Protein backbone atom coordinates (compact mmCIF):
# COMPACT_ATOMS: atom_id res chain seq x y z
CA UNK A 1 0.00 0.00 0.00
CA UNK A 2 2.83 2.38 0.89
CA UNK A 3 4.56 1.58 -2.40
CA UNK A 4 1.40 2.51 -4.33
CA UNK A 5 1.24 5.91 -2.66
CA UNK A 6 4.91 6.52 -3.39
CA UNK A 7 4.49 5.70 -7.09
CA UNK A 8 1.35 7.83 -7.29
CA UNK A 9 3.11 10.76 -5.62
CA UNK A 10 6.09 10.49 -7.97
CA UNK A 11 3.81 10.40 -11.01
CA UNK A 12 1.94 13.47 -9.76
CA UNK A 13 5.18 15.41 -9.22
CA UNK A 14 6.41 14.48 -12.70
CA UNK A 15 3.16 15.60 -14.32
CA UNK A 16 3.09 18.88 -12.41
CA UNK A 17 6.69 19.73 -13.23
CA UNK A 18 6.33 19.10 -16.97
CA UNK A 19 3.69 21.80 -17.51
CA UNK A 20 6.17 24.69 -17.76
CA UNK A 21 6.74 26.15 -21.25
CA UNK A 22 8.68 29.18 -22.32
CA UNK A 23 8.05 31.30 -25.36
CA UNK A 24 10.99 33.21 -26.82
CA UNK A 25 9.80 34.30 -30.25
CA UNK A 26 9.17 37.98 -30.88
CA UNK A 27 10.95 41.03 -29.52
CA UNK A 28 12.44 39.32 -26.49
CA UNK A 29 16.02 39.74 -27.74
CA UNK A 30 16.84 36.06 -27.33
CA UNK A 31 15.97 35.04 -30.89
CA UNK A 32 17.63 36.40 -34.05
CA UNK A 33 15.34 38.61 -36.16
CA UNK A 34 15.13 36.06 -38.99
CA UNK A 35 14.04 33.29 -36.65
CA UNK A 36 11.39 35.52 -35.04
CA UNK A 37 10.14 36.37 -38.54
CA UNK A 38 9.79 32.67 -39.36
CA UNK A 39 7.99 31.94 -36.09
CA UNK A 40 5.40 34.68 -36.61
CA UNK A 41 5.02 34.25 -40.38
CA UNK A 42 5.92 37.86 -41.20
CA UNK A 43 7.31 38.81 -44.60
CA UNK A 44 9.98 41.13 -43.18
CA UNK A 45 12.40 40.83 -40.26
CA UNK A 46 12.72 44.63 -39.85
CA UNK A 47 10.18 44.73 -37.04
CA UNK A 48 12.21 42.24 -34.99
CA UNK A 49 15.61 43.86 -35.51
CA UNK A 50 17.16 45.94 -32.72
CA UNK A 51 17.81 49.63 -33.11
CA UNK A 52 15.76 52.63 -34.19
CA UNK A 53 12.61 51.95 -36.16
CA UNK A 54 11.85 53.93 -39.30
CA UNK A 55 8.76 56.11 -38.95
CA UNK A 56 5.84 55.37 -41.26
CA UNK A 57 4.11 58.46 -42.64
């Protein structure tokens, strides 16, 4: 009986700890502009590049 509780507890801990996901696409600075462009499906990587953005009139 004690062994069953131990296995059940271990399975619960494993399930609870596997729910964490991280998302790094976009303007986070951790992904190169070309990779962020691919992830979002944009046609241009300008919006993901660092530095000053050109103003649109």
